Amino acid sequence: MEIFRINVLPEQEIKRREKLKYALSHCNVCHGSLEFNYFDTLDADKLEEVAHCKECGRKAMNQLHSVH
């Protein structure tokens, strides 16, 4: 006899995840969608991520990521 384990997420967890997705992809000021661009840096193992808001033109995020 097999036992199936079903992972059911509570509604609060689903709402929390949706809020996080929205916050990462929308501007804090005008709530417009962000456009992400990626650039090489002088370091071979780094990548720069820049996010601009399409609506207000604000630079919303600038992060460096390590590349393996």
C-alpha atoms as a PDB file:
ATOM      1  CA  MET A   1       0.000   0.000   0.000  1.00  0.00           C
ATOM      2  CA  GLU A   2       1.396   3.382  -1.005  1.00  0.00           C
ATOM      3  CA  ILE A   3       1.052   6.511   1.021  1.00  0.00           C
ATOM      4  CA  PHE A   4       0.848   9.727  -0.951  1.00  0.00           C
ATOM      5  CA  ARG A   5       1.973  12.900   0.688  1.00  0.00           C
ATOM      6  CA  ILE A   6       0.293  16.027  -0.591  1.00  0.00           C
ATOM      7  CA  ASN A   7       1.784  19.401   0.212  1.00  0.00           C
ATOM      8  CA  VAL A   8      -1.035  21.892   0.550  1.00  0.00           C
ATOM      9  CA  LEU A   9       0.016  25.464   1.153  1.00  0.00           C
ATOM     10  CA  PRO A  10      -2.120  27.509   3.488  1.00  0.00           C
ATOM     11  CA  GLU A  11      -3.784  30.560   2.002  1.00  0.00           C
ATOM     12  CA  GLN A  12      -1.608  32.909   4.097  1.00  0.00           C
ATOM     13  CA  GLU A  13       1.574  31.384   2.630  1.00  0.00           C
ATOM     14  CA  ILE A  14       0.254  31.761  -0.906  1.00  0.00           C
ATOM     15  CA  LYS A  15      -0.620  35.427  -0.272  1.00  0.00           C
ATOM     16  CA  ARG A  16       2.814  36.057   1.259  1.00  0.00           C
ATOM     17  CA  ARG A  17       4.552  34.591  -1.795  1.00  0.00           C
ATOM     18  CA  GLU A  18       2.405  36.633  -4.180  1.00  0.00           C
ATOM     19  CA  LYS A  19       3.235  39.846  -2.271  1.00  0.00           C
ATOM     20  CA  LEU A  20       6.940  39.045  -2.514  1.00  0.00           C
ATOM     21  CA  LYS A  21       6.724  38.399  -6.271  1.00  0.00           C
ATOM     22  CA  TYR A  22       4.836  41.675  -6.734  1.00  0.00           C
ATOM     23  CA  ALA A  23       7.337  43.656  -4.634  1.00  0.00           C
ATOM     24  CA  LEU A  24      10.297  42.315  -6.616  1.00  0.00           C
ATOM     25  CA  SER A  25       8.824  43.091 -10.025  1.00  0.00           C
ATOM     26  CA  HIS A  26       7.073  46.449  -9.405  1.00  0.00           C
ATOM     27  CA  CYS A  27       8.228  49.977  -8.487  1.00  0.00           C
ATOM     28  CA  ASN A  28       7.867  51.060  -4.855  1.00  0.00           C
ATOM     29  CA  VAL A  29       6.897  54.608  -5.846  1.00  0.00           C
ATOM     30  CA  CYS A  30       4.407  54.316  -8.719  1.00  0.00           C
ATOM     31  CA  HIS A  31       3.760  50.529  -8.754  1.00  0.00           C
ATOM     32  CA  GLY A  32       4.677  50.287 -12.437  1.00  0.00           C
ATOM     33  CA  SER A  33       6.396  47.177 -13.760  1.00  0.00           C
ATOM     34  CA  LEU A  34      10.187  47.046 -13.665  1.00  0.00           C
ATOM     35  CA  GLU A  35      12.456  46.354 -16.621  1.00  0.00           C
ATOM     36  CA  PHE A  36      15.571  44.349 -15.770  1.00  0.00           C
ATOM     37  CA  ASN A  37      18.902  44.589 -17.612  1.00  0.00           C
ATOM     38  CA  TYR A  38      22.051  42.579 -17.021  1.00  0.00           C
ATOM     39  CA  PHE A  39      25.611  43.760 -17.666  1.00  0.00           C
ATOM     40  CA  ASP A  40      29.074  42.241 -17.480  1.00  0.00           C
ATOM     41  CA  THR A  41      31.464  43.784 -14.969  1.00  0.00           C
ATOM     42  CA  LEU A  42      35.247  44.018 -14.953  1.00  0.00           C
ATOM     43  CA  ASP A  43      35.336  41.015 -12.635  1.00  0.00           C
ATOM     44  CA  ALA A  44      34.898  37.788 -14.585  1.00  0.00           C
ATOM     45  CA  ASP A  45      32.793  36.222 -11.846  1.00  0.00           C
ATOM     46  CA  LYS A  46      30.299  39.098 -11.350  1.00  0.00           C
ATOM     47  CA  LEU A  47      27.151  40.142 -13.190  1.00  0.00           C
ATOM     48  CA  GLU A  48      25.354  43.455 -12.601  1.00  0.00           C
ATOM     49  CA  GLU A  49      21.556  43.551 -12.496  1.00  0.00           C
ATOM     50  CA  VAL A  50      19.862  46.929 -12.975  1.00  0.00           C
ATOM     51  CA  ALA A  51      16.112  47.512 -12.716  1.00  0.00           C
ATOM     52  CA  HIS A  52      14.365  50.602 -14.093  1.00  0.00           C
ATOM     53  CA  CYS A  53      10.716  51.519 -13.758  1.00  0.00           C
ATOM     54  CA  LYS A  54       9.000  51.873 -17.138  1.00  0.00           C
ATOM     55  CA  GLU A  55       6.413  54.331 -15.788  1.00  0.00           C
ATOM     56  CA  CYS A  56       8.409  56.884 -13.769  1.00  0.00           C
ATOM     57  CA  GLY A  57      11.940  56.154 -15.034  1.00  0.00           C
ATOM     58  CA  ARG A  58      13.303  55.632 -11.518  1.00  0.00           C
ATOM     59  CA  LYS A  59      16.308  53.342 -11.038  1.00  0.00           C
ATOM     60  CA  ALA A  60      14.778  50.859  -8.627  1.00  0.00           C
ATOM     61  CA  MET A  61      17.527  48.323  -8.037  1.00  0.00           C
ATOM     62  CA  ASN A  62      21.211  47.741  -8.700  1.00  0.00           C
ATOM     63  CA  GLN A  63      22.744  44.448  -7.556  1.00  0.00           C
ATOM     64  CA  LEU A  64      25.875  42.430  -8.199  1.00  0.00           C
ATOM     65  CA  HIS A  65      25.532  38.670  -8.586  1.00  0.00           C
ATOM     66  CA  SER A  66      28.263  36.058  -8.423  1.00  0.00           C
ATOM     67  CA  VAL A  67      28.516  33.773 -11.443  1.00  0.00           C
ATOM     68  CA  HIS A  68      29.854  30.270 -10.973  1.00  0.00           C
END
